[in-house]
Amino acid sequence: MQVAIVKYNAGNIYSVVNALRRLGVEPLLTDDAEQLQKSDRVLFPGQGEARGAMEYLKARRLDEVIRSLRQPVFGICVGQQLLCRHSEEGDVDCIGVFDAEVKRFQPQRHEEKVPCMGWNELHAPEGKPFGTSSNLLFSRLGDAPYVYFVHSYYVPLCKETAAVADYIQPYSAAMHKDNFYACQFHPEKSGKVGEQILRNFLDLNCEL
């Protein structure tokens, strides 16, 4: 299996590389359209600022390449946000796989800090239980899985929400549409739960 990671001007990519190596996978880090298109799996991770990331992607037409991919694609952290339609961060149009707008957290109480940093529990959205055919990315996680978040922006709940977390308000901790999967948290920093999520992604049936 060839696993590719989208190479662009975002941080945190090498922690994902190392997480995949722990699973016995040597990923290809590339911004080459042909290499991305012929890979069996594509991961789109990142930490950074949405406008700068989108300017880099559009200058190299990587936004078009990512949108056209037909194999399983996994956006992580900023990768999830960039797969949405628009982001308040820099007021920028994004790739547009998910019809959702990324918003900044607005604290309501003194103890609500931004960025949100730390461990939080995942819940299945109504009608999409974890581990079922509609939500395979979250198979075999056990009860009340906890994962690690670092973010100031979030995606509101929507029809493409695949997992829910609650900080200031409930929001999309993960998303799914067709062959595109995404999460706001960092599976590569989320211990055994994150490792299982990455393994689930690698094991997805390409026909899904």
N, C-alpha and C. Protein backbone atom coordinates (compact mmCIF):
# COMPACT_ATOMS: atom_id res chain seq x y z
N MET A 1 0.84 -1.20 0.00
CA MET A 1 0.00 0.00 0.00
C MET A 1 0.87 1.25 0.00
N GLN A 2 0.60 2.17 -0.91
CA GLN A 2 1.31 3.44 -0.91
C GLN A 2 0.48 4.49 -0.20
N VAL A 3 1.05 5.08 0.82
CA VAL A 3 0.39 6.11 1.62
C VAL A 3 1.14 7.42 1.41
N ALA A 4 0.42 8.45 0.98
CA ALA A 4 1.04 9.76 0.72
C ALA A 4 0.56 10.78 1.74
N ILE A 5 1.44 11.70 2.07
CA ILE A 5 1.10 12.85 2.92
C ILE A 5 1.31 14.10 2.09
N VAL A 6 0.30 14.97 2.06
CA VAL A 6 0.40 16.20 1.28
C VAL A 6 1.45 17.11 1.90
N LYS A 7 2.44 17.47 1.09
CA LYS A 7 3.51 18.36 1.53
C LYS A 7 3.14 19.80 1.20
N TYR A 8 3.02 20.63 2.23
CA TYR A 8 2.73 22.05 2.02
C TYR A 8 3.23 22.83 3.23
N ASN A 9 2.98 24.13 3.28
CA ASN A 9 3.58 24.99 4.30
C ASN A 9 2.81 24.93 5.61
N ALA A 10 2.72 23.75 6.21
CA ALA A 10 2.03 23.59 7.49
C ALA A 10 2.89 22.76 8.41
N GLY A 11 2.81 23.05 9.71
CA GLY A 11 3.58 22.30 10.68
C GLY A 11 2.93 20.97 11.02
N ASN A 12 3.61 20.21 11.85
CA ASN A 12 3.10 18.96 12.42
C ASN A 12 3.14 17.77 11.46
N ILE A 13 3.61 17.96 10.26
CA ILE A 13 3.58 16.87 9.30
C ILE A 13 4.47 15.71 9.74
N TYR A 14 5.63 16.00 10.32
CA TYR A 14 6.55 14.92 10.64
C TYR A 14 6.09 14.09 11.83
N SER A 15 5.25 14.62 12.71
CA SER A 15 4.70 13.79 13.77
C SER A 15 3.73 12.76 13.20
N VAL A 16 3.05 13.12 12.10
CA VAL A 16 2.18 12.16 11.42
C VAL A 16 3.03 11.10 10.71
N VAL A 17 4.13 11.53 10.08
CA VAL A 17 5.06 10.58 9.46
C VAL A 17 5.51 9.55 10.49
N ASN A 18 5.91 10.00 11.67
CA ASN A 18 6.40 9.10 12.70
C ASN A 18 5.30 8.18 13.21
N ALA A 19 4.07 8.69 13.32
CA ALA A 19 2.96 7.86 13.77
C ALA A 19 2.70 6.73 12.78
N LEU A 20 2.78 7.02 11.50
CA LEU A 20 2.58 5.98 10.48
C LEU A 20 3.73 4.97 10.51
N ARG A 21 4.93 5.45 10.74
CA ARG A 21 6.06 4.52 10.83
C ARG A 21 5.88 3.54 11.98
N ARG A 22 5.29 4.01 13.09
CA ARG A 22 5.03 3.11 14.21
C ARG A 22 4.03 2.02 13.84
N LEU A 23 3.22 2.28 12.82
CA LEU A 23 2.26 1.29 12.34
C LEU A 23 2.84 0.44 11.21
N GLY A 24 4.12 0.61 10.92
CA GLY A 24 4.77 -0.18 9.89
C GLY A 24 4.60 0.36 8.49
N VAL A 25 4.22 1.64 8.37
CA VAL A 25 3.99 2.27 7.06
C VAL A 25 5.06 3.34 6.84
N GLU A 26 5.71 3.32 5.69
CA GLU A 26 6.67 4.36 5.32
C GLU A 26 5.97 5.28 4.32
N PRO A 27 5.45 6.43 4.77
CA PRO A 27 4.67 7.28 3.87
C PRO A 27 5.56 8.08 2.92
N LEU A 28 4.93 8.51 1.83
CA LEU A 28 5.58 9.37 0.85
C LEU A 28 5.12 10.80 1.10
N LEU A 29 6.04 11.70 1.42
CA LEU A 29 5.74 13.11 1.63
C LEU A 29 5.92 13.84 0.31
N THR A 30 4.82 14.34 -0.28
CA THR A 30 4.92 14.86 -1.64
C THR A 30 3.89 15.95 -1.92
N ASP A 31 4.24 16.85 -2.86
CA ASP A 31 3.28 17.81 -3.40
C ASP A 31 3.08 17.57 -4.90
N ASP A 32 3.48 16.40 -5.36
CA ASP A 32 3.36 16.04 -6.77
C ASP A 32 1.96 15.47 -7.04
N ALA A 33 1.24 16.06 -7.98
CA ALA A 33 -0.14 15.67 -8.24
C ALA A 33 -0.24 14.20 -8.64
N GLU A 34 0.63 13.76 -9.51
CA GLU A 34 0.56 12.37 -9.99
C GLU A 34 0.79 11.38 -8.85
N GLN A 35 1.76 11.68 -7.99
CA GLN A 35 2.04 10.81 -6.86
C GLN A 35 0.84 10.75 -5.91
N LEU A 36 0.22 11.89 -5.66
CA LEU A 36 -0.95 11.91 -4.78
C LEU A 36 -2.10 11.12 -5.40
N GLN A 37 -2.32 11.29 -6.69
CA GLN A 37 -3.44 10.65 -7.35
C GLN A 37 -3.31 9.13 -7.40
N LYS A 38 -2.11 8.62 -7.49
CA LYS A 38 -1.94 7.18 -7.62
C LYS A 38 -1.71 6.47 -6.28
N SER A 39 -1.65 7.23 -5.17
CA SER A 39 -1.48 6.62 -3.86
C SER A 39 -2.77 5.95 -3.40
N ASP A 40 -2.63 4.93 -2.56
CA ASP A 40 -3.81 4.22 -2.05
C ASP A 40 -4.52 5.00 -0.95
N ARG A 41 -3.76 5.75 -0.18
CA ARG A 41 -4.31 6.60 0.88
C ARG A 41 -3.58 7.94 0.84
N VAL A 42 -4.30 9.01 1.17
CA VAL A 42 -3.69 10.34 1.24
C VAL A 42 -4.06 10.97 2.57
N LEU A 43 -3.05 11.44 3.31
CA LEU A 43 -3.28 12.18 4.54
C LEU A 43 -2.94 13.65 4.31
N PHE A 44 -3.76 14.51 4.90
CA PHE A 44 -3.66 15.97 4.72
C PHE A 44 -3.63 16.62 6.10
N PRO A 45 -2.49 16.52 6.79
CA PRO A 45 -2.40 17.06 8.15
C PRO A 45 -1.96 18.52 8.14
N GLY A 46 -1.77 19.08 9.32
CA GLY A 46 -1.20 20.42 9.38
C GLY A 46 -1.57 21.20 10.62
N GLN A 47 -0.69 22.11 10.97
CA GLN A 47 -0.95 23.16 11.94
C GLN A 47 -0.51 24.46 11.28
N GLY A 48 -1.27 25.51 11.50
CA GLY A 48 -0.89 26.78 10.89
C GLY A 48 -2.09 27.67 10.68
N GLU A 49 -1.93 28.63 9.78
CA GLU A 49 -2.94 29.67 9.54
C GLU A 49 -3.60 29.43 8.20
N ALA A 50 -4.93 29.50 8.17
CA ALA A 50 -5.70 29.06 7.02
C ALA A 50 -5.38 29.86 5.75
N ARG A 51 -5.33 31.18 5.85
CA ARG A 51 -5.12 31.97 4.63
C ARG A 51 -3.76 31.66 4.00
N GLY A 52 -2.71 31.64 4.80
CA GLY A 52 -1.39 31.34 4.25
C GLY A 52 -1.33 29.95 3.65
N ALA A 53 -1.97 28.99 4.30
CA ALA A 53 -1.98 27.63 3.77
C ALA A 53 -2.72 27.57 2.44
N MET A 54 -3.87 28.23 2.35
CA MET A 54 -4.64 28.20 1.10
C MET A 54 -3.91 28.92 -0.02
N GLU A 55 -3.22 30.01 0.28
CA GLU A 55 -2.45 30.70 -0.77
C GLU A 55 -1.38 29.78 -1.33
N TYR A 56 -0.72 29.03 -0.46
CA TYR A 56 0.31 28.09 -0.89
C TYR A 56 -0.30 26.98 -1.75
N LEU A 57 -1.41 26.41 -1.28
CA LEU A 57 -2.05 25.31 -2.01
C LEU A 57 -2.56 25.77 -3.37
N LYS A 58 -3.20 26.93 -3.41
CA LYS A 58 -3.75 27.42 -4.68
C LYS A 58 -2.66 27.78 -5.67
N ALA A 59 -1.55 28.32 -5.19
CA ALA A 59 -0.45 28.68 -6.08
C ALA A 59 0.10 27.46 -6.81
N ARG A 60 -0.02 26.31 -6.18
CA ARG A 60 0.49 25.06 -6.77
C ARG A 60 -0.64 24.17 -7.27
N ARG A 61 -1.86 24.69 -7.23
CA ARG A 61 -3.08 23.99 -7.67
C ARG A 61 -3.30 22.70 -6.89
N LEU A 62 -2.73 22.65 -5.69
CA LEU A 62 -2.95 21.47 -4.85
C LEU A 62 -4.38 21.42 -4.32
N ASP A 63 -5.05 22.56 -4.22
CA ASP A 63 -6.46 22.55 -3.79
C ASP A 63 -7.30 21.76 -4.80
N GLU A 64 -7.03 21.95 -6.09
CA GLU A 64 -7.76 21.22 -7.13
C GLU A 64 -7.42 19.73 -7.08
N VAL A 65 -6.15 19.44 -6.86
CA VAL A 65 -5.72 18.03 -6.80
C VAL A 65 -6.42 17.32 -5.65
N ILE A 66 -6.39 17.93 -4.47
CA ILE A 66 -7.00 17.30 -3.29
C ILE A 66 -8.49 17.10 -3.52
N ARG A 67 -9.17 18.09 -4.04
CA ARG A 67 -10.62 18.00 -4.28
C ARG A 67 -10.96 16.88 -5.26
N SER A 68 -10.04 16.55 -6.16
CA SER A 68 -10.32 15.56 -7.20
C SER A 68 -9.98 14.13 -6.79
N LEU A 69 -9.37 13.94 -5.63
CA LEU A 69 -8.93 12.60 -5.22
C LEU A 69 -10.12 11.68 -5.00
N ARG A 70 -9.94 10.41 -5.34
CA ARG A 70 -11.02 9.43 -5.24
C ARG A 70 -10.70 8.31 -4.25
N GLN A 71 -9.48 8.22 -3.78
CA GLN A 71 -9.14 7.25 -2.76
C GLN A 71 -9.44 7.83 -1.37
N PRO A 72 -9.38 7.05 -0.29
CA PRO A 72 -9.59 7.62 1.03
C PRO A 72 -8.59 8.74 1.35
N VAL A 73 -9.11 9.87 1.79
CA VAL A 73 -8.31 11.05 2.15
C VAL A 73 -8.63 11.39 3.60
N PHE A 74 -7.61 11.73 4.39
CA PHE A 74 -7.79 12.00 5.81
C PHE A 74 -7.18 13.36 6.15
N GLY A 75 -8.03 14.37 6.40
CA GLY A 75 -7.57 15.68 6.84
C GLY A 75 -7.44 15.72 8.35
N ILE A 76 -6.36 16.28 8.86
CA ILE A 76 -6.09 16.32 10.29
C ILE A 76 -5.86 17.75 10.74
N CYS A 77 -6.56 18.18 11.78
CA CYS A 77 -6.45 19.51 12.40
C CYS A 77 -6.75 20.59 11.35
N VAL A 78 -5.76 21.40 10.98
CA VAL A 78 -6.00 22.41 9.95
C VAL A 78 -6.42 21.75 8.64
N GLY A 79 -5.99 20.51 8.43
CA GLY A 79 -6.43 19.78 7.25
C GLY A 79 -7.94 19.65 7.18
N GLN A 80 -8.59 19.39 8.33
CA GLN A 80 -10.06 19.34 8.35
C GLN A 80 -10.63 20.71 7.98
N GLN A 81 -10.09 21.75 8.58
CA GLN A 81 -10.62 23.10 8.34
C GLN A 81 -10.46 23.50 6.88
N LEU A 82 -9.32 23.15 6.27
CA LEU A 82 -9.09 23.54 4.88
C LEU A 82 -9.98 22.75 3.91
N LEU A 83 -10.49 21.61 4.33
CA LEU A 83 -11.42 20.86 3.49
C LEU A 83 -12.82 21.46 3.49
N CYS A 84 -13.05 22.45 4.34
CA CYS A 84 -14.37 23.10 4.41
C CYS A 84 -14.49 24.19 3.34
N ARG A 85 -15.64 24.81 3.30
CA ARG A 85 -15.94 25.80 2.26
C ARG A 85 -15.25 27.14 2.52
N HIS A 86 -15.20 27.57 3.78
CA HIS A 86 -14.69 28.90 4.11
C HIS A 86 -14.20 28.90 5.54
N SER A 87 -13.20 29.73 5.84
CA SER A 87 -12.70 29.87 7.21
C SER A 87 -12.71 31.33 7.62
N GLU A 88 -13.15 31.57 8.85
CA GLU A 88 -13.05 32.92 9.42
C GLU A 88 -11.60 33.33 9.64
N GLU A 89 -10.70 32.36 9.76
CA GLU A 89 -9.29 32.68 9.95
C GLU A 89 -8.72 33.23 8.65
N GLY A 90 -8.56 34.53 8.58
CA GLY A 90 -8.10 35.18 7.37
C GLY A 90 -9.20 35.39 6.34
N ASP A 91 -10.46 35.06 6.71
CA ASP A 91 -11.60 35.26 5.80
C ASP A 91 -11.29 34.71 4.41
N VAL A 92 -11.03 33.39 4.37
CA VAL A 92 -10.53 32.80 3.13
C VAL A 92 -11.43 31.64 2.68
N ASP A 93 -11.64 31.55 1.36
CA ASP A 93 -12.32 30.39 0.79
C ASP A 93 -11.35 29.21 0.77
N CYS A 94 -11.86 28.04 1.14
CA CYS A 94 -11.01 26.86 1.27
C CYS A 94 -11.33 25.85 0.16
N ILE A 95 -11.03 24.59 0.36
CA ILE A 95 -11.11 23.60 -0.71
C ILE A 95 -12.55 23.25 -1.05
N GLY A 96 -13.43 23.22 -0.07
CA GLY A 96 -14.85 23.09 -0.35
C GLY A 96 -15.39 21.68 -0.47
N VAL A 97 -14.68 20.68 0.08
CA VAL A 97 -15.24 19.33 0.09
C VAL A 97 -16.44 19.27 1.03
N PHE A 98 -16.30 19.86 2.22
CA PHE A 98 -17.39 19.92 3.19
C PHE A 98 -18.07 21.29 3.10
N ASP A 99 -19.38 21.30 3.02
CA ASP A 99 -20.13 22.55 2.92
C ASP A 99 -20.34 23.12 4.33
N ALA A 100 -19.26 23.66 4.89
CA ALA A 100 -19.29 24.17 6.26
C ALA A 100 -18.32 25.33 6.38
N GLU A 101 -18.59 26.21 7.35
CA GLU A 101 -17.72 27.37 7.59
C GLU A 101 -16.99 27.19 8.91
N VAL A 102 -15.68 27.40 8.89
CA VAL A 102 -14.85 27.30 10.08
C VAL A 102 -14.96 28.61 10.86
N LYS A 103 -15.23 28.49 12.17
CA LYS A 103 -15.44 29.67 13.01
C LYS A 103 -14.46 29.70 14.16
N ARG A 104 -14.22 30.89 14.70
CA ARG A 104 -13.34 31.03 15.86
C ARG A 104 -14.14 30.84 17.13
N PHE A 105 -13.55 30.13 18.10
CA PHE A 105 -14.17 30.01 19.41
C PHE A 105 -14.40 31.39 20.02
N GLN A 106 -15.57 31.59 20.61
CA GLN A 106 -15.89 32.83 21.31
C GLN A 106 -16.16 32.49 22.78
N PRO A 107 -15.16 32.68 23.66
CA PRO A 107 -15.34 32.32 25.08
C PRO A 107 -16.50 33.07 25.71
N GLN A 108 -17.25 32.35 26.52
CA GLN A 108 -18.38 32.94 27.24
C GLN A 108 -18.08 33.16 28.72
N ARG A 109 -17.07 32.45 29.24
CA ARG A 109 -16.71 32.54 30.65
C ARG A 109 -15.20 32.66 30.76
N HIS A 110 -14.74 33.15 31.92
CA HIS A 110 -13.32 33.40 32.13
C HIS A 110 -12.49 32.13 31.96
N GLU A 111 -13.03 30.98 32.39
CA GLU A 111 -12.26 29.74 32.35
C GLU A 111 -12.19 29.12 30.96
N GLU A 112 -12.91 29.67 30.00
CA GLU A 112 -12.88 29.15 28.64
C GLU A 112 -11.76 29.84 27.86
N LYS A 113 -10.66 29.13 27.71
CA LYS A 113 -9.47 29.69 27.10
C LYS A 113 -9.39 29.31 25.62
N VAL A 114 -8.84 30.23 24.84
CA VAL A 114 -8.58 29.98 23.42
C VAL A 114 -7.09 30.29 23.18
N PRO A 115 -6.33 29.34 22.61
CA PRO A 115 -6.81 28.10 21.99
C PRO A 115 -7.26 27.05 22.99
N CYS A 116 -8.11 26.16 22.52
CA CYS A 116 -8.49 24.96 23.25
C CYS A 116 -7.32 23.99 23.18
N MET A 117 -6.81 23.59 24.34
CA MET A 117 -5.66 22.67 24.37
C MET A 117 -5.93 21.60 25.41
N GLY A 118 -5.77 20.33 24.99
CA GLY A 118 -5.88 19.25 25.95
C GLY A 118 -6.76 18.11 25.45
N TRP A 119 -7.02 17.19 26.36
CA TRP A 119 -7.77 15.98 26.04
C TRP A 119 -9.26 16.24 26.18
N ASN A 120 -10.02 15.66 25.26
CA ASN A 120 -11.48 15.80 25.31
C ASN A 120 -12.11 14.51 24.80
N GLU A 121 -13.33 14.28 25.23
CA GLU A 121 -14.04 13.05 24.90
C GLU A 121 -14.77 13.18 23.57
N LEU A 122 -14.79 12.08 22.82
CA LEU A 122 -15.54 12.03 21.57
C LEU A 122 -16.88 11.35 21.79
N HIS A 123 -17.90 11.85 21.11
CA HIS A 123 -19.23 11.25 21.13
C HIS A 123 -19.69 11.04 19.69
N ALA A 124 -20.45 9.99 19.47
CA ALA A 124 -21.02 9.75 18.15
C ALA A 124 -22.20 10.68 17.92
N PRO A 125 -22.33 11.26 16.74
CA PRO A 125 -23.52 12.07 16.44
C PRO A 125 -24.76 11.18 16.32
N GLU A 126 -25.90 11.77 16.49
CA GLU A 126 -27.15 11.01 16.41
C GLU A 126 -27.26 10.35 15.04
N GLY A 127 -27.56 9.06 15.05
CA GLY A 127 -27.74 8.32 13.80
C GLY A 127 -26.47 7.79 13.18
N LYS A 128 -25.30 8.06 13.80
CA LYS A 128 -24.02 7.58 13.26
C LYS A 128 -23.19 6.95 14.37
N PRO A 129 -23.64 5.85 14.92
CA PRO A 129 -22.88 5.21 16.01
C PRO A 129 -21.48 4.84 15.57
N PHE A 130 -20.52 4.96 16.47
CA PHE A 130 -19.15 4.58 16.16
C PHE A 130 -19.09 3.09 15.80
N GLY A 131 -18.33 2.78 14.76
CA GLY A 131 -18.11 1.40 14.38
C GLY A 131 -19.11 0.84 13.40
N THR A 132 -20.16 1.58 13.09
CA THR A 132 -21.14 1.10 12.12
C THR A 132 -20.67 1.44 10.71
N SER A 133 -21.39 0.95 9.72
CA SER A 133 -20.99 1.16 8.33
C SER A 133 -20.96 2.64 7.96
N SER A 134 -21.71 3.48 8.69
CA SER A 134 -21.71 4.91 8.40
C SER A 134 -20.61 5.66 9.15
N ASN A 135 -19.86 4.95 10.01
CA ASN A 135 -18.86 5.63 10.83
C ASN A 135 -17.70 4.69 11.16
N LEU A 136 -17.07 4.16 10.13
CA LEU A 136 -16.05 3.12 10.31
C LEU A 136 -14.74 3.66 10.87
N LEU A 137 -14.47 4.95 10.72
CA LEU A 137 -13.20 5.49 11.21
C LEU A 137 -13.08 5.33 12.73
N PHE A 138 -14.21 5.22 13.42
CA PHE A 138 -14.20 5.16 14.88
C PHE A 138 -14.57 3.78 15.40
N SER A 139 -14.15 2.76 14.68
CA SER A 139 -14.34 1.37 15.12
C SER A 139 -13.31 1.01 16.19
N ARG A 140 -13.70 0.12 17.10
CA ARG A 140 -12.80 -0.50 18.08
C ARG A 140 -12.08 0.51 18.96
N LEU A 141 -12.80 1.53 19.40
CA LEU A 141 -12.19 2.55 20.26
C LEU A 141 -12.56 2.38 21.73
N GLY A 142 -13.50 1.49 22.03
CA GLY A 142 -13.94 1.35 23.40
C GLY A 142 -14.91 2.45 23.80
N ASP A 143 -15.25 2.49 25.07
CA ASP A 143 -16.20 3.47 25.58
C ASP A 143 -15.53 4.81 25.84
N ALA A 144 -16.22 5.87 25.49
CA ALA A 144 -15.79 7.25 25.80
C ALA A 144 -14.33 7.51 25.44
N PRO A 145 -13.97 7.39 24.16
CA PRO A 145 -12.57 7.63 23.77
C PRO A 145 -12.18 9.10 23.95
N TYR A 146 -10.96 9.30 24.44
CA TYR A 146 -10.41 10.65 24.60
C TYR A 146 -9.29 10.86 23.60
N VAL A 147 -9.23 12.07 23.04
CA VAL A 147 -8.21 12.43 22.06
C VAL A 147 -7.68 13.83 22.37
N TYR A 148 -6.58 14.20 21.72
CA TYR A 148 -5.87 15.43 22.06
C TYR A 148 -6.13 16.53 21.03
N PHE A 149 -6.52 17.70 21.53
CA PHE A 149 -6.85 18.85 20.68
C PHE A 149 -5.91 20.03 20.96
N VAL A 150 -5.61 20.79 19.90
CA VAL A 150 -5.00 22.13 20.02
C VAL A 150 -5.57 22.96 18.87
N HIS A 151 -6.48 23.89 19.18
CA HIS A 151 -7.08 24.68 18.10
C HIS A 151 -7.84 25.88 18.65
N SER A 152 -7.89 26.92 17.82
CA SER A 152 -8.65 28.14 18.12
C SER A 152 -9.91 28.25 17.27
N TYR A 153 -9.97 27.47 16.20
CA TYR A 153 -11.10 27.51 15.27
C TYR A 153 -11.76 26.13 15.23
N TYR A 154 -13.03 26.10 14.88
CA TYR A 154 -13.78 24.85 14.91
C TYR A 154 -14.80 24.84 13.78
N VAL A 155 -15.31 23.64 13.47
CA VAL A 155 -16.39 23.49 12.50
C VAL A 155 -17.68 23.20 13.27
N PRO A 156 -18.73 24.00 13.09
CA PRO A 156 -20.00 23.72 13.77
C PRO A 156 -20.55 22.35 13.38
N LEU A 157 -21.48 21.85 14.16
CA LEU A 157 -22.16 20.61 13.82
C LEU A 157 -22.88 20.76 12.49
N CYS A 158 -22.82 19.72 11.66
CA CYS A 158 -23.44 19.77 10.34
C CYS A 158 -23.74 18.34 9.90
N LYS A 159 -24.30 18.19 8.71
CA LYS A 159 -24.69 16.86 8.24
C LYS A 159 -23.48 15.95 8.04
N GLU A 160 -22.30 16.52 7.91
CA GLU A 160 -21.10 15.72 7.66
C GLU A 160 -20.32 15.42 8.94
N THR A 161 -20.85 15.81 10.10
CA THR A 161 -20.20 15.53 11.38
C THR A 161 -20.15 14.02 11.63
N ALA A 162 -18.95 13.53 11.96
CA ALA A 162 -18.78 12.10 12.24
C ALA A 162 -18.45 11.82 13.70
N ALA A 163 -18.00 12.84 14.43
CA ALA A 163 -17.76 12.75 15.87
C ALA A 163 -17.93 14.13 16.46
N VAL A 164 -18.40 14.17 17.71
CA VAL A 164 -18.71 15.43 18.37
C VAL A 164 -17.84 15.58 19.61
N ALA A 165 -17.31 16.78 19.82
CA ALA A 165 -16.66 17.15 21.07
C ALA A 165 -17.34 18.41 21.59
N ASP A 166 -17.15 18.70 22.86
CA ASP A 166 -17.81 19.86 23.46
C ASP A 166 -16.78 20.73 24.16
N TYR A 167 -16.60 21.94 23.64
CA TYR A 167 -15.78 22.97 24.29
C TYR A 167 -16.41 24.31 23.94
N ILE A 168 -16.95 24.98 24.92
CA ILE A 168 -17.77 26.19 24.76
C ILE A 168 -19.12 25.84 24.15
N GLN A 169 -19.12 25.04 23.07
CA GLN A 169 -20.35 24.47 22.52
C GLN A 169 -19.99 23.17 21.80
N PRO A 170 -20.96 22.31 21.53
CA PRO A 170 -20.66 21.11 20.74
C PRO A 170 -20.20 21.51 19.33
N TYR A 171 -19.24 20.76 18.79
CA TYR A 171 -18.73 21.07 17.45
C TYR A 171 -18.27 19.78 16.78
N SER A 172 -17.90 19.88 15.52
CA SER A 172 -17.47 18.72 14.74
C SER A 172 -16.03 18.36 15.07
N ALA A 173 -15.86 17.31 15.86
CA ALA A 173 -14.52 16.81 16.14
C ALA A 173 -13.99 15.99 14.98
N ALA A 174 -14.90 15.48 14.15
CA ALA A 174 -14.51 14.74 12.95
C ALA A 174 -15.63 14.86 11.92
N MET A 175 -15.27 14.63 10.65
CA MET A 175 -16.22 14.78 9.55
C MET A 175 -16.00 13.66 8.54
N HIS A 176 -17.05 13.40 7.74
CA HIS A 176 -16.95 12.38 6.70
C HIS A 176 -17.93 12.69 5.58
N LYS A 177 -17.41 12.62 4.35
CA LYS A 177 -18.24 12.73 3.15
C LYS A 177 -17.57 11.92 2.05
N ASP A 178 -18.28 10.91 1.56
CA ASP A 178 -17.76 10.06 0.48
C ASP A 178 -16.40 9.48 0.88
N ASN A 179 -15.35 9.75 0.11
CA ASN A 179 -14.02 9.21 0.42
C ASN A 179 -13.18 10.15 1.28
N PHE A 180 -13.78 11.24 1.76
CA PHE A 180 -13.05 12.22 2.57
C PHE A 180 -13.40 12.06 4.05
N TYR A 181 -12.37 11.91 4.85
CA TYR A 181 -12.48 11.81 6.30
C TYR A 181 -11.63 12.93 6.90
N ALA A 182 -12.01 13.40 8.08
CA ALA A 182 -11.23 14.48 8.68
C ALA A 182 -11.47 14.51 10.18
N CYS A 183 -10.49 15.03 10.91
CA CYS A 183 -10.67 15.22 12.36
C CYS A 183 -9.97 16.50 12.79
N GLN A 184 -10.57 17.15 13.79
CA GLN A 184 -9.99 18.37 14.34
C GLN A 184 -8.86 18.06 15.31
N PHE A 185 -8.94 16.92 15.97
CA PHE A 185 -7.93 16.54 16.96
C PHE A 185 -6.70 15.94 16.26
N HIS A 186 -5.71 15.58 17.08
CA HIS A 186 -4.45 15.02 16.57
C HIS A 186 -4.39 13.54 16.89
N PRO A 187 -4.72 12.65 15.95
CA PRO A 187 -4.62 11.22 16.26
C PRO A 187 -3.19 10.80 16.56
N GLU A 188 -2.22 11.46 15.93
CA GLU A 188 -0.82 11.09 16.13
C GLU A 188 -0.32 11.45 17.52
N LYS A 189 -1.11 12.23 18.28
CA LYS A 189 -0.75 12.62 19.65
C LYS A 189 -1.77 12.09 20.66
N SER A 190 -2.59 11.15 20.24
CA SER A 190 -3.72 10.69 21.06
C SER A 190 -3.59 9.25 21.53
N GLY A 191 -2.37 8.78 21.73
CA GLY A 191 -2.14 7.48 22.32
C GLY A 191 -2.74 6.34 21.53
N LYS A 192 -3.22 5.33 22.27
CA LYS A 192 -3.76 4.12 21.64
C LYS A 192 -5.02 4.42 20.84
N VAL A 193 -5.84 5.36 21.31
CA VAL A 193 -7.05 5.71 20.56
C VAL A 193 -6.68 6.29 19.21
N GLY A 194 -5.76 7.23 19.19
CA GLY A 194 -5.34 7.83 17.93
C GLY A 194 -4.68 6.82 17.01
N GLU A 195 -3.90 5.92 17.59
CA GLU A 195 -3.27 4.88 16.78
C GLU A 195 -4.33 4.00 16.11
N GLN A 196 -5.40 3.68 16.86
CA GLN A 196 -6.45 2.85 16.28
C GLN A 196 -7.19 3.59 15.18
N ILE A 197 -7.40 4.89 15.34
CA ILE A 197 -8.07 5.68 14.30
C ILE A 197 -7.23 5.69 13.02
N LEU A 198 -5.92 5.88 13.15
CA LEU A 198 -5.05 5.83 11.97
C LEU A 198 -5.08 4.44 11.33
N ARG A 199 -5.08 3.41 12.17
CA ARG A 199 -5.15 2.05 11.64
C ARG A 199 -6.48 1.83 10.91
N ASN A 200 -7.57 2.34 11.49
CA ASN A 200 -8.87 2.21 10.83
C ASN A 200 -8.87 2.89 9.47
N PHE A 201 -8.23 4.06 9.38
CA PHE A 201 -8.16 4.76 8.10
C PHE A 201 -7.40 3.93 7.07
N LEU A 202 -6.28 3.37 7.48
CA LEU A 202 -5.48 2.56 6.56
C LEU A 202 -6.25 1.32 6.10
N ASP A 203 -7.15 0.81 6.97
CA ASP A 203 -7.89 -0.41 6.66
C ASP A 203 -9.19 -0.15 5.91
N LEU A 204 -9.54 1.09 5.64
CA LEU A 204 -10.81 1.38 4.96
C LEU A 204 -10.87 0.69 3.61
N ASN A 205 -12.05 0.22 3.27
CA ASN A 205 -12.29 -0.35 1.95
C ASN A 205 -12.33 0.77 0.94
N CYS A 206 -11.53 0.70 -0.10
CA CYS A 206 -11.47 1.74 -1.12
C CYS A 206 -12.80 1.96 -1.83
N GLU A 207 -13.71 0.98 -1.73
CA GLU A 207 -14.99 1.12 -2.40
C GLU A 207 -15.97 1.96 -1.60
N LEU A 208 -15.62 2.28 -0.34
CA LEU A 208 -16.58 3.02 0.50
C LEU A 208 -16.74 4.45 0.01
